[in-house]
Structure formats: structure tokens, C-alpha cells
C-alpha atoms as a PDB file:
ATOM      1  CA  UNK A   1     190.149  70.576 191.575  1.00  0.00           C
ATOM      2  CA  UNK A   2     186.690  71.352 192.462  1.00  0.00           C
ATOM      3  CA  UNK A   3     185.896  74.469 194.410  1.00  0.00           C
ATOM      4  CA  UNK A   4     182.477  74.420 196.515  1.00  0.00           C
ATOM      5  CA  UNK A   5     181.170  77.035 194.290  1.00  0.00           C
ATOM      6  CA  UNK A   6     181.746  74.832 191.183  1.00  0.00           C
ATOM      7  CA  UNK A   7     180.079  71.957 192.985  1.00  0.00           C
ATOM      8  CA  UNK A   8     177.058  74.162 194.320  1.00  0.00           C
ATOM      9  CA  UNK A   9     176.313  75.364 190.455  1.00  0.00           C
ATOM     10  CA  UNK A  10     176.773  71.792 188.952  1.00  0.00           C
ATOM     11  CA  UNK A  11     174.315  70.374 191.390  1.00  0.00           C
ATOM     12  CA  UNK A  12     171.890  73.307 191.090  1.00  0.00           C
ATOM     13  CA  UNK A  13     172.005  72.926 187.234  1.00  0.00           C
ATOM     14  CA  UNK A  14     170.326  69.512 187.598  1.00  0.00           C
ATOM     15  CA  UNK A  15     166.436  69.304 186.972  1.00  0.00           C
ATOM     16  CA  UNK A  16     164.565  70.774 190.043  1.00  0.00           C
ATOM     17  CA  UNK A  17     167.704  70.764 192.029  1.00  0.00           C
ATOM     18  CA  UNK A  18     167.435  72.731 195.373  1.00  0.00           C
ATOM     19  CA  UNK A  19     169.930  73.670 198.062  1.00  0.00           C
ATOM     20  CA  UNK A  20     168.673  73.159 201.817  1.00  0.00           C
ATOM     21  CA  UNK A  21     170.618  73.017 205.112  1.00  0.00           C
ATOM     22  CA  UNK A  22     171.007  69.315 206.527  1.00  0.00           C
ATOM     23  CA  UNK A  23     172.065  70.003 210.014  1.00  0.00           C
ATOM     24  CA  UNK A  24     175.249  71.805 209.623  1.00  0.00           C
ATOM     25  CA  UNK A  25     176.110  70.524 206.187  1.00  0.00           C
ATOM     26  CA  UNK A  26     174.674  71.952 202.776  1.00  0.00           C
ATOM     27  CA  UNK A  27     172.469  69.388 201.008  1.00  0.00           C
ATOM     28  CA  UNK A  28     171.305  69.164 197.423  1.00  0.00           C
ATOM     29  CA  UNK A  29     167.961  67.654 196.716  1.00  0.00           C
ATOM     30  CA  UNK A  30     165.370  66.975 193.870  1.00  0.00           C
ATOM     31  CA  UNK A  31     162.488  69.281 194.811  1.00  0.00           C
ATOM     32  CA  UNK A  32     159.864  66.649 194.192  1.00  0.00           C
ATOM     33  CA  UNK A  33     157.811  64.661 196.617  1.00  0.00           C
ATOM     34  CA  UNK A  34     159.946  64.783 199.709  1.00  0.00           C
ATOM     35  CA  UNK A  35     162.839  66.511 198.354  1.00  0.00           C
ATOM     36  CA  UNK A  36     165.418  63.524 198.539  1.00  0.00           C
ATOM     37  CA  UNK A  37     169.142  64.438 198.962  1.00  0.00           C
ATOM     38  CA  UNK A  38     171.478  63.482 196.121  1.00  0.00           C
ATOM     39  CA  UNK A  39     174.476  65.428 197.572  1.00  0.00           C
ATOM     40  CA  UNK A  40     175.781  66.897 200.627  1.00  0.00           C
ATOM     41  CA  UNK A  41     178.588  69.194 201.477  1.00  0.00           C
ATOM     42  CA  UNK A  42     180.118  69.652 204.783  1.00  0.00           C
ATOM     43  CA  UNK A  43     181.543  73.021 206.179  1.00  0.00           C
ATOM     44  CA  UNK A  44     185.001  71.959 205.792  1.00  0.00           C
ATOM     45  CA  UNK A  45     184.571  71.536 201.764  1.00  0.00           C
ATOM     46  CA  UNK A  46     187.235  68.899 201.238  1.00  0.00           C
ATOM     47  CA  UNK A  47     184.892  66.302 200.050  1.00  0.00           C
ATOM     48  CA  UNK A  48     181.231  65.864 199.103  1.00  0.00           C
ATOM     49  CA  UNK A  49     178.965  62.843 199.430  1.00  0.00           C
ATOM     50  CA  UNK A  50     176.775  61.355 196.925  1.00  0.00           C
ATOM     51  CA  UNK A  51     174.283  58.534 197.097  1.00  0.00           C
ATOM     52  CA  UNK A  52     175.019  55.585 194.485  1.00  0.00           C
ATOM     53  CA  UNK A  53     174.297  51.942 194.275  1.00  0.00           C
ATOM     54  CA  UNK A  54     176.822  49.780 195.908  1.00  0.00           C
ATOM     55  CA  UNK A  55     177.906  48.437 192.624  1.00  0.00           C
ATOM     56  CA  UNK A  56     178.172  51.928 191.221  1.00  0.00           C
ATOM     57  CA  UNK A  57     180.115  52.669 194.297  1.00  0.00           C
ATOM     58  CA  UNK A  58     182.502  49.766 193.888  1.00  0.00           C
ATOM     59  CA  UNK A  59     183.186  50.548 190.289  1.00  0.00           C
ATOM     60  CA  UNK A  60     184.127  54.118 190.852  1.00  0.00           C
ATOM     61  CA  UNK A  61     186.276  53.484 193.899  1.00  0.00           C
ATOM     62  CA  UNK A  62     188.175  50.830 191.962  1.00  0.00           C
ATOM     63  CA  UNK A  63     188.610  52.879 188.831  1.00  0.00           C
ATOM     64  CA  UNK A  64     189.477  56.325 190.520  1.00  0.00           C
ATOM     65  CA  UNK A  65     190.578  55.586 194.181  1.00  0.00           C
ATOM     66  CA  UNK A  66     192.267  58.966 194.414  1.00  0.00           C
ATOM     67  CA  UNK A  67     188.854  60.707 193.980  1.00  0.00           C
ATOM     68  CA  UNK A  68     186.116  58.183 195.250  1.00  0.00           C
ATOM     69  CA  UNK A  69     185.934  56.287 198.553  1.00  0.00           C
ATOM     70  CA  UNK A  70     183.177  54.927 200.607  1.00  0.00           C
ATOM     71  CA  UNK A  71     181.579  57.043 203.520  1.00  0.00           C
ATOM     72  CA  UNK A  72     183.152  55.156 206.452  1.00  0.00           C
ATOM     73  CA  UNK A  73     179.893  54.226 208.166  1.00  0.00           C
ATOM     74  CA  UNK A  74     176.753  52.113 207.572  1.00  0.00           C
ATOM     75  CA  UNK A  75     175.525  54.715 204.932  1.00  0.00           C
ATOM     76  CA  UNK A  76     178.713  53.717 203.037  1.00  0.00           C
ATOM     77  CA  UNK A  77     177.864  50.063 202.946  1.00  0.00           C
ATOM     78  CA  UNK A  78     174.670  51.102 201.254  1.00  0.00           C
ATOM     79  CA  UNK A  79     176.546  53.110 198.494  1.00  0.00           C
ATOM     80  CA  UNK A  80     177.135  56.557 200.099  1.00  0.00           C
ATOM     81  CA  UNK A  81     180.346  57.620 198.525  1.00  0.00           C
ATOM     82  CA  UNK A  82     182.730  60.447 199.278  1.00  0.00           C
ATOM     83  CA  UNK A  83     184.330  62.605 196.492  1.00  0.00           C
ATOM     84  CA  UNK A  84     187.584  64.111 197.228  1.00  0.00           C
ATOM     85  CA  UNK A  85     187.157  67.534 195.784  1.00  0.00           C
ATOM     86  CA  UNK A  86     190.845  68.365 195.420  1.00  0.00           C
ATOM     87  CA  UNK A  87     191.290  65.226 193.148  1.00  0.00           C
ATOM     88  CA  UNK A  88     188.226  65.658 191.018  1.00  0.00           C
ATOM     89  CA  UNK A  89     187.606  67.264 187.628  1.00  0.00           C
ATOM     90  CA  UNK A  90     184.416  69.047 186.441  1.00  0.00           C
ATOM     91  CA  UNK A  91     183.491  66.097 183.929  1.00  0.00           C
ATOM     92  CA  UNK A  92     183.628  63.531 186.537  1.00  0.00           C
ATOM     93  CA  UNK A  93     181.785  65.698 189.009  1.00  0.00           C
ATOM     94  CA  UNK A  94     178.908  66.280 186.696  1.00  0.00           C
ATOM     95  CA  UNK A  95     178.754  62.484 185.910  1.00  0.00           C
ATOM     96  CA  UNK A  96     178.645  61.306 189.500  1.00  0.00           C
ATOM     97  CA  UNK A  97     176.113  63.924 190.472  1.00  0.00           C
ATOM     98  CA  UNK A  98     173.901  63.007 187.624  1.00  0.00           C
ATOM     99  CA  UNK A  99     174.131  59.403 188.656  1.00  0.00           C
ATOM    100  CA  UNK A 100     173.222  60.260 192.317  1.00  0.00           C
ATOM    101  CA  UNK A 101     170.313  62.550 191.164  1.00  0.00           C
ATOM    102  CA  UNK A 102     168.790  59.827 189.129  1.00  0.00           C
ATOM    103  CA  UNK A 103     168.500  57.784 192.426  1.00  0.00           C
ATOM    104  CA  UNK A 104     166.991  60.665 194.108  1.00  0.00           C
ATOM    105  CA  UNK A 105     164.432  61.839 191.446  1.00  0.00           C
ATOM    106  CA  UNK A 106     161.293  60.034 190.767  1.00  0.00           C
ATOM    107  CA  UNK A 107     161.330  58.219 187.418  1.00  0.00           C
ATOM    108  CA  UNK A 108     158.970  60.754 185.849  1.00  0.00           C
ATOM    109  CA  UNK A 109     161.604  63.318 186.038  1.00  0.00           C
ATOM    110  CA  UNK A 110     164.374  61.301 184.470  1.00  0.00           C
ATOM    111  CA  UNK A 111     163.447  62.533 181.109  1.00  0.00           C
ATOM    112  CA  UNK A 112     164.465  66.279 182.195  1.00  0.00           C
ATOM    113  CA  UNK A 113     168.189  65.119 182.776  1.00  0.00           C
ATOM    114  CA  UNK A 114     169.846  66.617 179.633  1.00  0.00           C
ATOM    115  CA  UNK A 115     172.901  64.210 178.425  1.00  0.00           C
END
């Protein structure tokens, strides 16, 4: 089970990650160029959203449907994926945050991501 404080620490541990408001949600962004969002956390803290490719989303949702599900709107059709925090473990969270971070970060920063 992932608590919001654990999600926040994992997201901010990624290279050049920052936390900023996104309307009434919390967003985690790569502090480069325009500060693209790689994760959002709504006020209710039941799930978080990450931004993946549709193929990555399909793979995760089929392998771990108790944890991952597409965001139920047009963003979800483009790869936006929700993480059910009560069903997720820390290793899975770190992995999916890194996947999403890579999509938001410019290629020149990818080498800063530690395995």
C-alpha cells in the first residue's frame, strides 16, 4: 500500500523533479523546459495518474489490473494511466514513475536517471 508521502518521496527522488499545483491536484514535473508533468495526485489520494504510451498502458493494465487502469477519458486513450495506491507496492511505483518520467524529460536528461 502506497501512502501519499511515499509517492511524493519517490516522485521527487527522480532527477530534476519538482512539485507544483495543477488546479486542485498535486503534480510532479521535470524541471526542464516547460516542466512537463509525469505524475498527478488528486486530493482524495486514492490513486495517482502517470503518463505512458498506449502500449505501456495496455501491458501494465493486463499484467496488474488490480493496480493499473486507464484514466476514463480521452487522456486515457492516449496512455494516461491511474495507479490504485492501496494495491501498489514501492518497487512497482518506482518503476512506473520512472517510465512516466522518461516521457516527460528531454532526452538529454535520461542519463541522469539511475537504474
